[in-house]
Amino acid sequence: MDIDPKQWAKADDWLTTVELAALTKTSRSFWDKKRGQGGGPAWCDIGNRPRYRRTDVEAWLISRSIHNTSQRGRP
C-alpha cells in the first residue's frame, strides 16, 4: 500500500505537551490532568509521548469559547 506523502501531517502540525503549554500559557500539569481526566483535545501517543494535532487543539479551544459570564463552568 503506497501512501502519498502529501497525506502525512507535517511534523510541525503536532505539538508536545511542553509546546502546548507554552502556546496556551498554561502549565504542563494542566494538560497532564486533562489527558488523565478527559475533557481536553484529542491526542495521540507517538513514541510513547503524547502529541496534540494543532487543528484539534484549535477546534477544542474554539468549542470552549465563552460569550458571557453565565456560560462559565460549562464542560
Protein backbone atom coordinates (compact mmCIF):
# COMPACT_ATOMS: atom_id res chain seq x y z
CA MET A 1 0.00 0.00 0.00
CA ASP A 2 1.50 3.30 -1.09
CA ILE A 3 0.74 6.42 0.90
CA ASP A 4 1.00 9.77 -0.77
CA PRO A 5 3.45 11.91 1.26
CA LYS A 6 1.01 14.83 0.94
CA GLN A 7 -1.39 12.90 3.17
CA TRP A 8 1.04 12.76 6.08
CA ALA A 9 0.74 15.52 8.61
CA LYS A 10 3.75 17.78 8.78
CA ALA A 11 5.93 17.38 11.84
CA ASP A 12 5.17 20.95 12.94
CA ASP A 13 1.44 20.15 12.93
CA TRP A 14 1.98 18.07 16.09
CA LEU A 15 2.63 19.69 19.47
CA THR A 16 4.32 18.25 22.53
CA THR A 17 2.81 18.89 25.94
CA VAL A 18 5.51 21.48 26.62
CA GLU A 19 4.78 23.27 23.32
CA LEU A 20 1.04 23.16 24.01
CA ALA A 21 1.54 24.61 27.48
CA ALA A 22 3.69 27.42 26.07
CA LEU A 23 1.21 28.12 23.27
CA THR A 24 -1.74 28.38 25.67
CA LYS A 25 0.22 29.97 28.54
CA THR A 26 -0.79 27.15 30.87
CA SER A 27 1.20 24.59 32.82
CA ARG A 28 2.27 21.20 31.59
CA SER A 29 0.46 19.64 34.55
CA PHE A 30 -2.82 21.19 33.32
CA TRP A 31 -2.54 19.13 30.13
CA ASP A 32 -1.36 16.04 32.02
CA LYS A 33 -4.56 16.26 34.09
CA LYS A 34 -6.72 16.82 31.01
CA ARG A 35 -5.29 13.67 29.44
CA GLY A 36 -5.96 11.65 32.58
CA GLN A 37 -9.41 13.02 33.38
CA GLY A 38 -10.62 13.65 29.85
CA GLY A 39 -12.17 16.84 28.61
CA GLY A 40 -9.15 18.09 26.66
CA PRO A 41 -8.35 17.98 22.96
CA ALA A 42 -7.73 14.67 21.21
CA TRP A 43 -4.14 13.43 21.41
CA CYS A 44 -2.01 10.60 20.09
CA ASP A 45 0.65 8.55 21.79
CA ILE A 46 3.62 8.85 19.42
CA GLY A 47 6.85 7.26 20.54
CA ASN A 48 5.37 6.77 23.99
CA ARG A 49 4.84 10.52 24.33
CA PRO A 50 1.59 12.48 23.94
CA ARG A 51 1.26 14.67 20.87
CA TYR A 52 -1.55 17.05 20.00
CA ARG A 53 -2.55 17.92 16.46
CA ARG A 54 -2.63 21.70 16.16
CA THR A 55 -6.03 21.63 14.39
CA ASP A 56 -7.54 19.51 17.21
CA VAL A 57 -6.26 21.98 19.80
CA GLU A 58 -7.67 24.93 17.85
CA ALA A 59 -11.06 23.21 17.48
CA TRP A 60 -11.12 22.36 21.20
CA LEU A 61 -10.27 25.93 22.18
CA ILE A 62 -12.99 27.31 19.89
CA SER A 63 -15.51 24.89 21.41
CA ARG A 64 -14.63 26.30 24.84
CA SER A 65 -15.33 29.92 23.83
CA ILE A 66 -17.40 31.84 26.37
CA HIS A 67 -19.71 34.61 25.20
CA ASN A 68 -20.99 35.79 28.58
CA THR A 69 -20.36 35.15 32.27
CA SER A 70 -23.39 32.86 32.66
CA GLN A 71 -21.62 30.31 30.45
CA ARG A 72 -18.66 29.89 32.80
CA GLY A 73 -18.18 26.48 34.33
CA ARG A 74 -19.75 24.56 31.47
CA PRO A 75 -17.96 21.43 30.32
